[in-house]
Structures are given as C-alpha cells and as structure tokens.
C-alpha cells in the first residue's frame, strides 16, 4: 500500500525523546456492562421452564499496551470501538471486569479509594466536553484551587493562589478572569481552563479523551499546540483518545488502532502512516481526504460493525475483512511484533496472505 500521508498533514512530525521506562501498563483488560435490567426483565419462559437471561455489552476485550514515560500514545478507531471506555478504566472511573492496570509497576485497579489518593495526583484527565466538565456553580478560581488544596494540605492559601495564577498564565488564561463563571467563556477558553485544572496538581500522566472534538477547527489547533507545549515544558506523558487521524499524525508518538474493543495494530506514528499492515488500519488511512494525485484507492469495507452485545467468534473484524479465512472466523488473533517493531493482530499477516 502506498504512503497515505496527506498534503494537509505534511508538517514535520515532532520527534520526542521517549524514555524506555514504562509508566502505565495495561494487561489483558476486559470491561463489560450488564444491560439485563431488573429481575423481571431477565425472566424468560422457554421450553416449558423459566430461566434467567443476562445480556452484556462487551466494551473492551483483552486490550494490552504500555505507555512509556514522555510519549503521547494515541488510541484511534471509529465511534463505539471502546476508546473512551479504555481511558476511563485506566483512570479508575470504571472498574475493569478482568485484567490489570499498573502504574510504575504497582497495580492500581484493585486499590481502595484511600490507597488510590497518591495516584490521583499523578494521573489527571481532560474530558471531551468543555461545556459539561466545569462546575457551573463555581468560579474559575474556586475550580482550580480546590484540587490543589485537597492534594496539598500543607500549602498556605497564598501558595495555592500563586500556583493557580502561574498555571493559568501558562495556558493562556488571564488570572484576573478567575472571578468569572464557566458560562462566561467560549469553548476553547473552557478547554484551556480544563487543561489548567489538570496541571494544578503537577501530574506526570494525563489522559485526554477527545479534548478537541467539541471545538471549532480554528480553536482545535490552538488547544493542540498548547498541549504539545505543555508536554515539553512539564515533561508530561499522554494517553490521547481521538478519531482524527490528522491530529494523530501530528501529535502522537505511537498509535494503537482499536476495533470493537480490541487493538488490531500498535506502531510508531511514522511507521503506521507509511506502512499500515492490518486491513482495518489500511481502510482507515485510505479514507483520509487527499489532494495529491498519487493517492491509494479508497478501501470500502463491506457490511456493518457487529454489535458488542453479540461479539463474533474469532477475529472481530473477519466479517468485513476481504482476506478472512476459516482460521479468522474461529481463532482470536494476538498481537505479534513485526520486524519494524510494530504489533499486528492478524492471521492473514501472520501467514503471509497480505
């Protein structure tokens, strides 16, 4: 497949120094949601006898990855593939059904709320909707000072105000605006305030769940550049959730491509965009609008995305894959490391049929 880079995204890819130290480790993560309803909803009468019918949404199915210190790992995929569920589970907002999440080698998914407190300071989250993530009853100063007071009880009131003012200035928000309420700001300004809230406790790992998708295109670039500058200045590590491949190419250090709750390809950003290997990744990249005449043909996938309530057997992508074989329909593929250090979960790739 030819290079799928677009002229629009042909800015120089930012090269970042990434430590070999693993900051976050996710291993065989599963998350399912019970949609059975109450007891009466579950009762069924079939074949002359009563039985209970339980139904689940299988949102995450055996996801494993590491986040290295100093990198920006992007998770991409179409709506409903489980990206945001991964983000919220890593942050502890959702409990995993099985699997484990570790931070600097310490397992954290099974800790009590009190035991998690030291990690809450190190791990922060930027939410997708800036219109819903700020408390409308609190001024900006109150919103930003609250987490600093909570996580740093030893600081005086003046020290808290100084830290908040410094963070506000660093994200382009005038400290004098602190007396205002969220409804007095635009979407871009609210997202800057949300970024400031995450930075006030001096974290080292930030999960950003589609932080620019609700903003105008002109504002998206400003917020994205702010996040990149902040990463450089404060030595941050990002887990960045998005569906915008142009953002991924410009922002990400590595990319994980998800489909129906599983990771089908994980690679360095440059490697993924120049030589995509999984059929789903190739289809995604072929859909990017391009101006050049040398572009590859658009790959049109057949069929519909299966429901996460009734997952297909074997590879979850086999019903839409033009290279599917009997093994794909019966055996779940595992991520296998390739010669260029990318990881691909595809039987056709493993058998040399691609």
Protein backbone atom coordinates (compact mmCIF):
# COMPACT_ATOMS: atom_id res chain seq x y z
CA UNK A 1 0.00 0.00 0.00
CA UNK A 2 1.33 3.43 -0.88
CA UNK A 3 2.10 6.14 1.62
CA UNK A 4 -1.17 7.57 2.87
CA UNK A 5 0.19 10.90 4.13
CA UNK A 6 -1.82 13.89 3.02
CA UNK A 7 -0.54 17.26 1.93
CA UNK A 8 -2.58 18.79 4.70
CA UNK A 9 -0.72 16.78 7.32
CA UNK A 10 2.75 17.03 5.78
CA UNK A 11 4.05 19.15 8.59
CA UNK A 12 7.26 17.79 10.06
CA UNK A 13 6.40 15.11 12.59
CA UNK A 14 7.55 16.18 16.02
CA UNK A 15 10.36 13.94 17.27
CA UNK A 16 10.24 13.50 21.05
CA UNK A 17 12.72 11.86 23.34
CA UNK A 18 10.83 8.98 24.91
CA UNK A 19 12.16 7.16 27.95
CA UNK A 20 12.31 3.37 27.99
CA UNK A 21 10.67 3.49 31.41
CA UNK A 22 7.13 2.12 31.41
CA UNK A 23 4.81 4.47 33.24
CA UNK A 24 1.44 2.74 32.72
CA UNK A 25 0.92 -0.91 31.87
CA UNK A 26 -2.44 -2.35 30.79
CA UNK A 27 -2.63 -6.14 30.65
CA UNK A 28 -5.49 -8.24 29.21
CA UNK A 29 -8.09 -5.60 30.09
CA UNK A 30 -11.77 -6.54 29.77
CA UNK A 31 -14.79 -4.41 30.53
CA UNK A 32 -18.40 -5.45 30.12
CA UNK A 33 -21.62 -3.63 31.04
CA UNK A 34 -24.67 -5.51 32.27
CA UNK A 35 -27.76 -4.46 30.28
CA UNK A 36 -30.03 -7.22 31.58
CA UNK A 37 -32.29 -4.87 33.51
CA UNK A 38 -34.03 -5.84 36.73
CA UNK A 39 -35.06 -9.35 37.78
CA UNK A 40 -38.38 -9.36 35.91
CA UNK A 41 -36.65 -8.25 32.70
CA UNK A 42 -34.31 -11.23 32.96
CA UNK A 43 -37.01 -13.88 33.46
CA UNK A 44 -37.88 -15.85 30.34
CA UNK A 45 -40.27 -18.74 29.80
CA UNK A 46 -38.99 -21.08 27.13
CA UNK A 47 -39.43 -24.77 26.50
CA UNK A 48 -41.85 -25.16 29.39
CA UNK A 49 -39.47 -23.77 32.01
CA UNK A 50 -38.36 -20.46 33.45
CA UNK A 51 -34.79 -19.20 33.06
CA UNK A 52 -32.79 -16.02 33.63
CA UNK A 53 -31.36 -14.28 30.59
CA UNK A 54 -28.35 -11.99 31.15
CA UNK A 55 -27.07 -9.64 28.44
CA UNK A 56 -23.83 -7.66 28.36
CA UNK A 57 -22.11 -5.04 26.24
CA UNK A 58 -18.53 -6.22 25.74
CA UNK A 59 -16.80 -2.84 25.50
CA UNK A 60 -13.16 -3.90 26.00
CA UNK A 61 -11.92 -7.36 25.08
CA UNK A 62 -8.39 -8.29 26.08
CA UNK A 63 -6.61 -4.95 25.47
CA UNK A 64 -2.91 -4.79 26.41
CA UNK A 65 -0.43 -1.94 25.95
CA UNK A 66 2.30 0.02 27.72
CA UNK A 67 2.66 3.79 27.93
CA UNK A 68 6.30 4.92 28.05
CA UNK A 69 7.34 7.94 30.06
CA UNK A 70 7.37 11.11 27.96
CA UNK A 71 5.39 9.79 25.00
CA UNK A 72 1.97 10.56 23.56
CA UNK A 73 0.20 7.26 22.88
CA UNK A 74 -2.87 7.85 20.71
CA UNK A 75 -5.80 5.41 20.62
CA UNK A 76 -7.87 5.73 17.44
CA UNK A 77 -10.88 3.96 16.00
CA UNK A 78 -14.46 4.57 14.93
CA UNK A 79 -17.21 5.56 17.34
CA UNK A 80 -18.21 2.78 19.73
CA UNK A 81 -14.94 0.83 19.50
CA UNK A 82 -14.18 1.28 23.21
CA UNK A 83 -11.61 4.12 23.17
CA UNK A 84 -13.24 6.24 25.87
CA UNK A 85 -14.01 3.16 27.98
CA UNK A 86 -10.29 2.33 27.96
CA UNK A 87 -9.48 5.90 29.05
CA UNK A 88 -11.99 5.89 31.91
CA UNK A 89 -10.94 2.43 33.08
CA UNK A 90 -7.26 3.40 33.13
CA UNK A 91 -8.18 6.44 35.24
CA UNK A 92 -10.20 4.34 37.67
CA UNK A 93 -13.53 5.95 36.80
CA UNK A 94 -14.68 2.48 35.72
CA UNK A 95 -13.66 -0.82 37.30
CA UNK A 96 -12.33 -3.48 34.91
CA UNK A 97 -14.21 -6.76 34.62
CA UNK A 98 -10.85 -8.54 34.44
CA UNK A 99 -7.22 -7.79 33.64
CA UNK A 100 -4.90 -5.37 35.40
CA UNK A 101 -3.65 -1.76 35.27
CA UNK A 102 -0.27 -0.85 36.77
CA UNK A 103 1.43 2.48 37.39
CA UNK A 104 5.23 2.38 37.67
CA UNK A 105 4.98 -1.35 38.33
CA UNK A 106 2.34 -1.02 41.09
CA UNK A 107 -1.05 -2.50 40.34
CA UNK A 108 -3.72 0.17 40.92
CA UNK A 109 -7.01 -1.19 39.58
CA UNK A 110 -7.67 -3.14 42.79
CA UNK A 111 -6.77 -0.38 45.28
CA UNK A 112 -9.22 1.23 47.69
CA UNK A 113 -10.17 4.88 47.25
CA UNK A 114 -7.82 5.90 50.06
CA UNK A 115 -4.92 3.89 48.62
CA UNK A 116 -5.54 5.50 45.22
CA UNK A 117 -5.14 9.06 46.52
CA UNK A 118 -1.38 9.35 45.79
CA UNK A 119 -2.04 8.21 42.21
CA UNK A 120 -4.90 10.68 41.73
CA UNK A 121 -2.33 13.45 41.98
CA UNK A 122 -0.04 11.83 39.43
CA UNK A 123 -2.82 10.91 36.98
CA UNK A 124 -5.23 13.53 35.65
CA UNK A 125 -7.88 13.57 32.92
CA UNK A 126 -9.07 16.12 30.36
CA UNK A 127 -12.65 15.41 29.30
CA UNK A 128 -14.20 15.72 25.87
CA UNK A 129 -16.92 18.27 26.50
CA UNK A 130 -15.68 21.58 27.99
CA UNK A 131 -19.30 22.70 28.40
CA UNK A 132 -20.06 19.89 30.85
CA UNK A 133 -16.75 19.24 32.64
CA UNK A 134 -16.64 22.51 34.64
CA UNK A 135 -18.89 23.12 37.66
CA UNK A 136 -21.26 25.97 36.67
CA UNK A 137 -21.76 26.96 40.33
CA UNK A 138 -18.08 27.67 40.98
CA UNK A 139 -15.85 30.45 39.75
CA UNK A 140 -12.76 29.51 37.79
CA UNK A 141 -10.56 30.30 40.78
CA UNK A 142 -12.61 28.01 43.03
CA UNK A 143 -12.49 25.24 40.40
CA UNK A 144 -8.70 25.43 40.09
CA UNK A 145 -7.88 25.92 43.75
CA UNK A 146 -9.99 23.01 45.03
CA UNK A 147 -7.75 20.15 43.78
CA UNK A 148 -4.60 21.99 44.93
CA UNK A 149 -6.00 22.36 48.47
CA UNK A 150 -7.14 18.74 48.51
CA UNK A 151 -3.88 17.16 47.33
CA UNK A 152 -1.52 19.64 49.04
CA UNK A 153 -2.94 20.44 52.50
CA UNK A 154 0.49 21.70 53.59
CA UNK A 155 0.33 24.70 51.22
CA UNK A 156 -0.82 28.07 52.52
CA UNK A 157 -3.65 29.96 50.86
CA UNK A 158 -1.17 32.36 49.25
CA UNK A 159 0.92 29.49 47.85
CA UNK A 160 -2.20 27.92 46.35
CA UNK A 161 -3.17 31.21 44.68
CA UNK A 162 0.35 31.65 43.29
CA UNK A 163 0.35 28.15 41.82
CA UNK A 164 -3.08 28.62 40.25
CA UNK A 165 -2.09 32.00 38.77
CA UNK A 166 1.09 30.51 37.31
CA UNK A 167 -0.81 27.62 35.70
CA UNK A 168 -3.49 29.93 34.30
CA UNK A 169 -0.86 32.13 32.67
CA UNK A 170 0.90 29.07 31.23
CA UNK A 171 -2.26 28.00 29.38
CA UNK A 172 -3.09 31.49 28.12
CA UNK A 173 -5.81 32.37 30.65
CA UNK A 174 -5.60 35.74 32.41
CA UNK A 175 -5.59 35.15 36.22
CA UNK A 176 -7.92 38.13 36.61
CA UNK A 177 -10.61 36.06 34.89
CA UNK A 178 -10.73 33.77 37.91
CA UNK A 179 -13.73 35.60 39.37
CA UNK A 180 -15.86 34.62 36.37
CA UNK A 181 -18.05 31.54 35.91
CA UNK A 182 -17.72 28.91 33.15
CA UNK A 183 -20.71 30.21 31.15
CA UNK A 184 -18.80 33.46 30.55
CA UNK A 185 -16.15 31.69 28.44
CA UNK A 186 -16.02 30.22 24.94
CA UNK A 187 -15.47 26.52 24.32
CA UNK A 188 -11.77 26.98 23.60
CA UNK A 189 -11.28 29.03 26.75
CA UNK A 190 -13.14 26.44 28.82
CA UNK A 191 -10.91 23.68 27.49
CA UNK A 192 -7.83 25.73 28.39
CA UNK A 193 -9.25 26.03 31.90
CA UNK A 194 -9.82 22.25 31.97
CA UNK A 195 -6.18 21.74 30.99
CA UNK A 196 -5.15 24.17 33.73
CA UNK A 197 -7.22 22.21 36.27
CA UNK A 198 -5.35 19.04 35.33
CA UNK A 199 -1.98 20.80 35.62
CA UNK A 200 -2.53 22.45 39.01
CA UNK A 201 -1.65 19.26 40.93
CA UNK A 202 1.54 18.81 38.85
CA UNK A 203 0.74 15.38 37.34
CA UNK A 204 3.06 13.27 35.22
CA UNK A 205 0.41 11.33 33.27
CA UNK A 206 -2.64 12.84 31.56
CA UNK A 207 -5.48 11.00 29.83
CA UNK A 208 -7.11 13.25 27.20
CA UNK A 209 -10.44 11.88 25.98
CA UNK A 210 -11.07 13.58 22.61
CA UNK A 211 -10.25 17.00 24.12
CA UNK A 212 -10.64 18.97 20.87
CA UNK A 213 -13.54 17.21 19.13
CA UNK A 214 -16.17 19.61 20.55
CA UNK A 215 -14.26 22.73 19.44
CA UNK A 216 -14.19 24.74 16.22
CA UNK A 217 -11.42 23.74 13.82
CA UNK A 218 -9.55 27.03 14.29
CA UNK A 219 -9.59 26.56 18.07
CA UNK A 220 -8.59 22.89 17.84
CA UNK A 221 -5.13 23.81 16.56
CA UNK A 222 -4.59 26.27 19.40
CA UNK A 223 -5.55 23.75 22.09
CA UNK A 224 -3.48 21.00 20.45
CA UNK A 225 -0.41 23.24 20.26
CA UNK A 226 -0.95 24.19 23.91
CA UNK A 227 -0.99 20.53 24.92
CA UNK A 228 2.23 19.87 22.98
CA UNK A 229 3.97 22.88 24.54
CA UNK A 230 2.80 21.84 27.99
CA UNK A 231 4.09 18.31 27.44
CA UNK A 232 7.52 19.65 26.56
CA UNK A 233 7.68 22.13 29.43
CA UNK A 234 6.33 19.87 32.17
CA UNK A 235 7.65 16.50 30.91
CA UNK A 236 4.17 15.01 30.67
CA UNK A 237 3.04 11.66 29.33
CA UNK A 238 -0.23 11.49 27.38
CA UNK A 239 -2.79 8.82 26.61
CA UNK A 240 -4.67 10.64 23.85
CA UNK A 241 -8.06 9.39 22.65
CA UNK A 242 -9.18 10.65 19.24
CA UNK A 243 -10.81 9.73 15.95
CA UNK A 244 -8.98 12.42 13.94
CA UNK A 245 -6.10 10.81 12.06
CA UNK A 246 -4.60 14.17 11.05
CA UNK A 247 -4.25 15.03 14.74
CA UNK A 248 -2.68 11.64 15.41
CA UNK A 249 -0.04 12.11 12.71
CA UNK A 250 0.95 15.49 14.08
CA UNK A 251 0.66 14.77 17.80
CA UNK A 252 1.26 11.09 18.53
CA UNK A 253 4.45 9.25 19.35
CA UNK A 254 2.78 5.85 18.92
CA UNK A 255 -0.68 4.82 17.72
CA UNK A 256 -2.99 2.00 18.82
CA UNK A 257 -5.82 1.22 16.39
CA UNK A 258 -8.94 -0.23 18.03
CA UNK A 259 -11.84 -2.12 16.51
CA UNK A 260 -14.80 -3.44 18.53
CA UNK A 261 -12.97 -3.42 21.85
CA UNK A 262 -9.68 -4.91 20.64
CA UNK A 263 -6.35 -3.49 19.46
CA UNK A 264 -5.61 -4.61 15.93
CA UNK A 265 -2.38 -2.65 15.35
CA UNK A 266 0.10 -0.76 17.53
CA UNK A 267 3.04 1.08 15.97
CA UNK A 268 5.19 4.18 15.90
CA UNK A 269 3.26 7.03 14.24
CA UNK A 270 5.60 7.34 11.27
CA UNK A 271 5.57 3.57 10.73
CA UNK A 272 1.79 3.29 10.92
CA UNK A 273 1.15 6.06 8.40
CA UNK A 274 3.83 4.93 5.94
CA UNK A 275 3.25 1.16 6.07
CA UNK A 276 -0.11 0.23 7.67
CA UNK A 277 -0.34 -3.54 7.97
CA UNK A 278 -3.74 -4.52 9.37
CA UNK A 279 -6.59 -4.46 6.78
CA UNK A 280 -8.67 -2.24 9.08
CA UNK A 281 -5.81 0.25 9.51
CA UNK A 282 -5.34 0.34 5.74
CA UNK A 283 -9.04 1.07 5.26
CA UNK A 284 -8.96 3.84 7.87
CA UNK A 285 -5.98 5.58 6.29
CA UNK A 286 -7.37 5.24 2.78
CA UNK A 287 -10.39 7.29 3.88
CA UNK A 288 -8.33 10.40 4.69
CA UNK A 289 -9.16 13.20 2.19
CA UNK A 290 -6.16 13.93 -0.04
CA UNK A 291 -5.23 16.49 -2.66
CA UNK A 292 -2.38 14.61 -4.32
CA UNK A 293 -2.95 12.53 -7.47
CA UNK A 294 -0.69 9.75 -6.21
CA UNK A 295 -3.10 8.60 -3.53
CA UNK A 296 -4.06 4.95 -2.97
CA UNK A 297 -7.52 3.76 -3.89
CA UNK A 298 -10.18 4.16 -1.24
CA UNK A 299 -10.88 0.85 0.51
CA UNK A 300 -14.59 0.39 1.06
CA UNK A 301 -15.40 -2.11 3.78
CA UNK A 302 -18.40 -4.34 3.30
CA UNK A 303 -21.11 -4.93 5.89
CA UNK A 304 -21.75 -3.26 9.24
CA UNK A 305 -19.85 -3.16 12.51
CA UNK A 306 -21.05 -6.12 14.63
CA UNK A 307 -22.84 -5.36 17.87
CA UNK A 308 -20.72 -5.52 21.05
CA UNK A 309 -23.60 -7.37 22.69
CA UNK A 310 -23.08 -10.44 20.49
CA UNK A 311 -19.41 -10.47 19.56
CA UNK A 312 -18.45 -12.60 16.54
CA UNK A 313 -16.26 -15.62 17.06
CA UNK A 314 -12.59 -15.44 16.17
CA UNK A 315 -11.30 -12.14 14.83
CA UNK A 316 -13.91 -9.43 15.44
CA UNK A 317 -13.07 -7.92 12.02
CA UNK A 318 -13.44 -11.09 9.95
CA UNK A 319 -16.98 -10.33 8.67
CA UNK A 320 -15.73 -7.17 6.93
CA UNK A 321 -12.22 -8.29 6.01
CA UNK A 322 -11.51 -9.22 2.35
CA UNK A 323 -8.68 -11.52 3.49
CA UNK A 324 -10.65 -13.56 6.06
CA UNK A 325 -10.18 -17.34 6.15
CA UNK A 326 -11.56 -20.16 8.33
CA UNK A 327 -8.92 -19.52 10.99
CA UNK A 328 -10.03 -15.88 11.22
CA UNK A 329 -13.62 -16.98 11.87
CA UNK A 330 -12.68 -19.32 14.71
CA UNK A 331 -9.48 -18.15 16.39
CA UNK A 332 -8.85 -14.79 18.06
CA UNK A 333 -5.58 -13.29 16.72
CA UNK A 334 -2.95 -11.99 19.11
CA UNK A 335 -0.64 -9.02 18.71
CA UNK A 336 2.60 -10.20 17.09
CA UNK A 337 5.68 -7.99 16.88
CA UNK A 338 6.90 -7.36 13.32
CA UNK A 339 10.40 -6.61 12.03
CA UNK A 340 9.81 -2.83 12.30
CA UNK A 341 8.69 -3.24 15.96
CA UNK A 342 5.03 -2.63 15.13
CA UNK A 343 2.49 -5.09 16.55
CA UNK A 344 -0.32 -6.53 14.43
CA UNK A 345 -3.17 -8.88 15.40
CA UNK A 346 -3.99 -10.51 12.07
CA UNK A 347 -3.89 -14.15 10.95
CA UNK A 348 -3.51 -13.13 7.30
CA UNK A 349 -0.48 -11.03 8.18
CA UNK A 350 0.99 -13.84 10.25
CA UNK A 351 0.50 -16.37 7.43
CA UNK A 352 1.82 -14.06 4.71
CA UNK A 353 -1.52 -13.77 2.88
CA UNK A 354 -1.39 -9.95 2.77
